[in-house]
């Protein structure tokens, strides 16, 4: 009897083909669905507010207040703004340029000095 290669098993000449693996655990009958009781929507909660919206009902004031309180609680406080660097620094020079202003003399000098330091440091490196 000749062996017919079906493509799903490796082709080995001179050996009997391996038996297929036994099926996995037997399939069990599906369990009956458990009925769960749905909690009633209590006005004054975010869940009730969303329920009003889903159902197309007008929202009551208690639910609107609850939704607003939840939204307010999720806001992050604003970060404090860092103070501006005074004139005579590289940052102040960049600020002048950003605002399309002519940089003042101390800022120009600070920018020149920093550029010279940077060039000198670049030349020192091999």
C-alpha atoms as a PDB file:
ATOM      1  CA  UNK A   1       0.000   0.000   0.000  1.00  0.00           C
ATOM      2  CA  UNK A   2       1.409   3.372  -0.980  1.00  0.00           C
ATOM      3  CA  UNK A   3       1.438   6.344   1.315  1.00  0.00           C
ATOM      4  CA  UNK A   4      -0.462   9.345   0.024  1.00  0.00           C
ATOM      5  CA  UNK A   5       0.921  12.711   1.136  1.00  0.00           C
ATOM      6  CA  UNK A   6      -1.888  15.012   2.178  1.00  0.00           C
ATOM      7  CA  UNK A   7       0.132  18.071   3.109  1.00  0.00           C
ATOM      8  CA  UNK A   8      -0.942  18.161   6.729  1.00  0.00           C
ATOM      9  CA  UNK A   9       1.728  15.755   7.965  1.00  0.00           C
ATOM     10  CA  UNK A  10       5.442  15.557   7.293  1.00  0.00           C
ATOM     11  CA  UNK A  11       6.413  13.197   4.493  1.00  0.00           C
ATOM     12  CA  UNK A  12       8.592  10.403   5.855  1.00  0.00           C
ATOM     13  CA  UNK A  13       9.576   7.571   3.544  1.00  0.00           C
ATOM     14  CA  UNK A  14       9.645   4.075   5.027  1.00  0.00           C
ATOM     15  CA  UNK A  15       7.677   4.817   8.187  1.00  0.00           C
ATOM     16  CA  UNK A  16       4.056   4.478   9.030  1.00  0.00           C
ATOM     17  CA  UNK A  17       2.257   7.786   9.400  1.00  0.00           C
ATOM     18  CA  UNK A  18       1.627   8.857  12.962  1.00  0.00           C
ATOM     19  CA  UNK A  19      -1.866   8.592  14.324  1.00  0.00           C
ATOM     20  CA  UNK A  20      -3.621  11.915  14.817  1.00  0.00           C
ATOM     21  CA  UNK A  21      -3.656  13.227  18.368  1.00  0.00           C
ATOM     22  CA  UNK A  22      -6.803  12.494  20.345  1.00  0.00           C
ATOM     23  CA  UNK A  23      -9.257  15.353  20.504  1.00  0.00           C
ATOM     24  CA  UNK A  24      -9.074  17.756  23.401  1.00  0.00           C
ATOM     25  CA  UNK A  25     -11.405  17.600  26.347  1.00  0.00           C
ATOM     26  CA  UNK A  26     -14.947  16.709  25.368  1.00  0.00           C
ATOM     27  CA  UNK A  27     -17.245  19.596  24.649  1.00  0.00           C
ATOM     28  CA  UNK A  28     -19.591  20.253  27.504  1.00  0.00           C
ATOM     29  CA  UNK A  29     -23.136  21.390  27.163  1.00  0.00           C
ATOM     30  CA  UNK A  30     -23.511  25.138  27.634  1.00  0.00           C
ATOM     31  CA  UNK A  31     -24.502  26.238  31.103  1.00  0.00           C
ATOM     32  CA  UNK A  32     -27.818  27.928  31.521  1.00  0.00           C
ATOM     33  CA  UNK A  33     -27.432  31.688  31.643  1.00  0.00           C
ATOM     34  CA  UNK A  34     -27.612  33.176  35.075  1.00  0.00           C
ATOM     35  CA  UNK A  35     -30.119  35.929  35.371  1.00  0.00           C
ATOM     36  CA  UNK A  36     -28.836  38.880  37.261  1.00  0.00           C
ATOM     37  CA  UNK A  37     -30.834  41.589  38.779  1.00  0.00           C
ATOM     38  CA  UNK A  38     -30.071  45.044  37.479  1.00  0.00           C
ATOM     39  CA  UNK A  39     -29.747  47.692  40.121  1.00  0.00           C
ATOM     40  CA  UNK A  40     -32.192  50.515  39.595  1.00  0.00           C
ATOM     41  CA  UNK A  41     -30.715  53.777  38.422  1.00  0.00           C
ATOM     42  CA  UNK A  42     -30.628  56.176  41.350  1.00  0.00           C
ATOM     43  CA  UNK A  43     -30.809  59.789  40.261  1.00  0.00           C
ATOM     44  CA  UNK A  44     -27.893  61.877  41.410  1.00  0.00           C
ATOM     45  CA  UNK A  45     -25.223  59.516  40.051  1.00  0.00           C
ATOM     46  CA  UNK A  46     -23.168  59.502  36.876  1.00  0.00           C
ATOM     47  CA  UNK A  47     -24.666  56.136  35.920  1.00  0.00           C
ATOM     48  CA  UNK A  48     -28.184  57.556  36.094  1.00  0.00           C
ATOM     49  CA  UNK A  49     -27.099  60.597  34.061  1.00  0.00           C
ATOM     50  CA  UNK A  50     -25.788  58.331  31.298  1.00  0.00           C
ATOM     51  CA  UNK A  51     -28.979  56.267  31.481  1.00  0.00           C
ATOM     52  CA  UNK A  52     -31.029  59.413  30.912  1.00  0.00           C
ATOM     53  CA  UNK A  53     -28.926  60.201  27.840  1.00  0.00           C
ATOM     54  CA  UNK A  54     -29.153  56.663  26.417  1.00  0.00           C
ATOM     55  CA  UNK A  55     -32.912  56.552  26.853  1.00  0.00           C
ATOM     56  CA  UNK A  56     -33.380  60.010  25.390  1.00  0.00           C
ATOM     57  CA  UNK A  57     -35.018  61.257  28.591  1.00  0.00           C
ATOM     58  CA  UNK A  58     -34.461  64.798  29.831  1.00  0.00           C
ATOM     59  CA  UNK A  59     -31.789  64.825  32.516  1.00  0.00           C
ATOM     60  CA  UNK A  60     -32.741  65.891  36.007  1.00  0.00           C
ATOM     61  CA  UNK A  61     -30.787  68.531  37.932  1.00  0.00           C
ATOM     62  CA  UNK A  62     -29.388  65.956  40.412  1.00  0.00           C
ATOM     63  CA  UNK A  63     -27.888  63.887  37.601  1.00  0.00           C
ATOM     64  CA  UNK A  64     -26.460  66.961  35.849  1.00  0.00           C
ATOM     65  CA  UNK A  65     -24.812  68.006  39.132  1.00  0.00           C
ATOM     66  CA  UNK A  66     -23.339  64.523  39.594  1.00  0.00           C
ATOM     67  CA  UNK A  67     -21.952  64.507  36.051  1.00  0.00           C
ATOM     68  CA  UNK A  68     -20.458  67.986  36.517  1.00  0.00           C
ATOM     69  CA  UNK A  69     -18.858  66.963  39.821  1.00  0.00           C
ATOM     70  CA  UNK A  70     -17.319  63.886  38.204  1.00  0.00           C
ATOM     71  CA  UNK A  71     -15.980  65.964  35.346  1.00  0.00           C
ATOM     72  CA  UNK A  72     -14.516  68.562  37.726  1.00  0.00           C
ATOM     73  CA  UNK A  73     -12.820  65.827  39.765  1.00  0.00           C
ATOM     74  CA  UNK A  74     -11.080  64.493  36.645  1.00  0.00           C
ATOM     75  CA  UNK A  75      -9.393  67.804  35.784  1.00  0.00           C
ATOM     76  CA  UNK A  76      -5.723  68.131  36.598  1.00  0.00           C
ATOM     77  CA  UNK A  77      -4.608  71.317  38.300  1.00  0.00           C
ATOM     78  CA  UNK A  78      -2.764  73.738  36.036  1.00  0.00           C
ATOM     79  CA  UNK A  79       0.976  73.642  36.294  1.00  0.00           C
ATOM     80  CA  UNK A  80       2.618  76.759  37.592  1.00  0.00           C
ATOM     81  CA  UNK A  81       4.134  78.859  34.874  1.00  0.00           C
ATOM     82  CA  UNK A  82       7.907  79.097  35.084  1.00  0.00           C
ATOM     83  CA  UNK A  83       9.185  82.643  35.462  1.00  0.00           C
ATOM     84  CA  UNK A  84      10.729  84.274  32.400  1.00  0.00           C
ATOM     85  CA  UNK A  85      14.495  84.573  32.229  1.00  0.00           C
ATOM     86  CA  UNK A  86      15.720  88.176  32.514  1.00  0.00           C
ATOM     87  CA  UNK A  87      17.294  90.044  29.638  1.00  0.00           C
ATOM     88  CA  UNK A  88      20.958  89.254  29.167  1.00  0.00           C
ATOM     89  CA  UNK A  89      20.469  85.496  28.735  1.00  0.00           C
ATOM     90  CA  UNK A  90      20.251  83.167  25.739  1.00  0.00           C
ATOM     91  CA  UNK A  91      16.611  82.344  26.622  1.00  0.00           C
ATOM     92  CA  UNK A  92      15.672  86.024  26.604  1.00  0.00           C
ATOM     93  CA  UNK A  93      17.392  86.429  23.219  1.00  0.00           C
ATOM     94  CA  UNK A  94      15.280  83.560  21.842  1.00  0.00           C
ATOM     95  CA  UNK A  95      12.159  85.145  23.359  1.00  0.00           C
ATOM     96  CA  UNK A  96      12.897  88.424  21.542  1.00  0.00           C
ATOM     97  CA  UNK A  97      13.194  86.554  18.238  1.00  0.00           C
ATOM     98  CA  UNK A  98      10.015  84.541  18.898  1.00  0.00           C
ATOM     99  CA  UNK A  99       8.037  87.750  19.367  1.00  0.00           C
ATOM    100  CA  UNK A 100       9.593  89.302  16.233  1.00  0.00           C
ATOM    101  CA  UNK A 101      11.361  91.946  18.307  1.00  0.00           C
ATOM    102  CA  UNK A 102      14.836  93.365  17.922  1.00  0.00           C
ATOM    103  CA  UNK A 103      16.979  91.766  20.687  1.00  0.00           C
ATOM    104  CA  UNK A 104      18.344  94.252  23.204  1.00  0.00           C
ATOM    105  CA  UNK A 105      22.110  94.767  23.610  1.00  0.00           C
ATOM    106  CA  UNK A 106      22.526  92.541  26.739  1.00  0.00           C
ATOM    107  CA  UNK A 107      20.672  89.696  25.001  1.00  0.00           C
ATOM    108  CA  UNK A 108      22.787  90.037  21.855  1.00  0.00           C
ATOM    109  CA  UNK A 109      25.942  89.938  23.975  1.00  0.00           C
ATOM    110  CA  UNK A 110      24.714  86.851  25.875  1.00  0.00           C
ATOM    111  CA  UNK A 111      23.924  85.060  22.608  1.00  0.00           C
ATOM    112  CA  UNK A 112      27.357  85.977  21.147  1.00  0.00           C
ATOM    113  CA  UNK A 113      29.186  84.774  24.279  1.00  0.00           C
ATOM    114  CA  UNK A 114      27.330  81.477  24.356  1.00  0.00           C
ATOM    115  CA  UNK A 115      27.978  80.881  20.653  1.00  0.00           C
ATOM    116  CA  UNK A 116      31.711  81.530  21.167  1.00  0.00           C
ATOM    117  CA  UNK A 117      31.811  79.122  24.132  1.00  0.00           C
ATOM    118  CA  UNK A 118      30.033  76.489  22.104  1.00  0.00           C
ATOM    119  CA  UNK A 119      32.426  76.866  19.158  1.00  0.00           C
ATOM    120  CA  UNK A 120      35.449  76.713  21.497  1.00  0.00           C
ATOM    121  CA  UNK A 121      34.145  73.558  23.149  1.00  0.00           C
ATOM    122  CA  UNK A 122      33.547  72.016  19.713  1.00  0.00           C
ATOM    123  CA  UNK A 123      37.161  72.725  18.649  1.00  0.00           C
ATOM    124  CA  UNK A 124      38.580  71.169  21.835  1.00  0.00           C
ATOM    125  CA  UNK A 125      36.958  67.807  21.163  1.00  0.00           C
ATOM    126  CA  UNK A 126      39.028  65.497  18.923  1.00  0.00           C
END
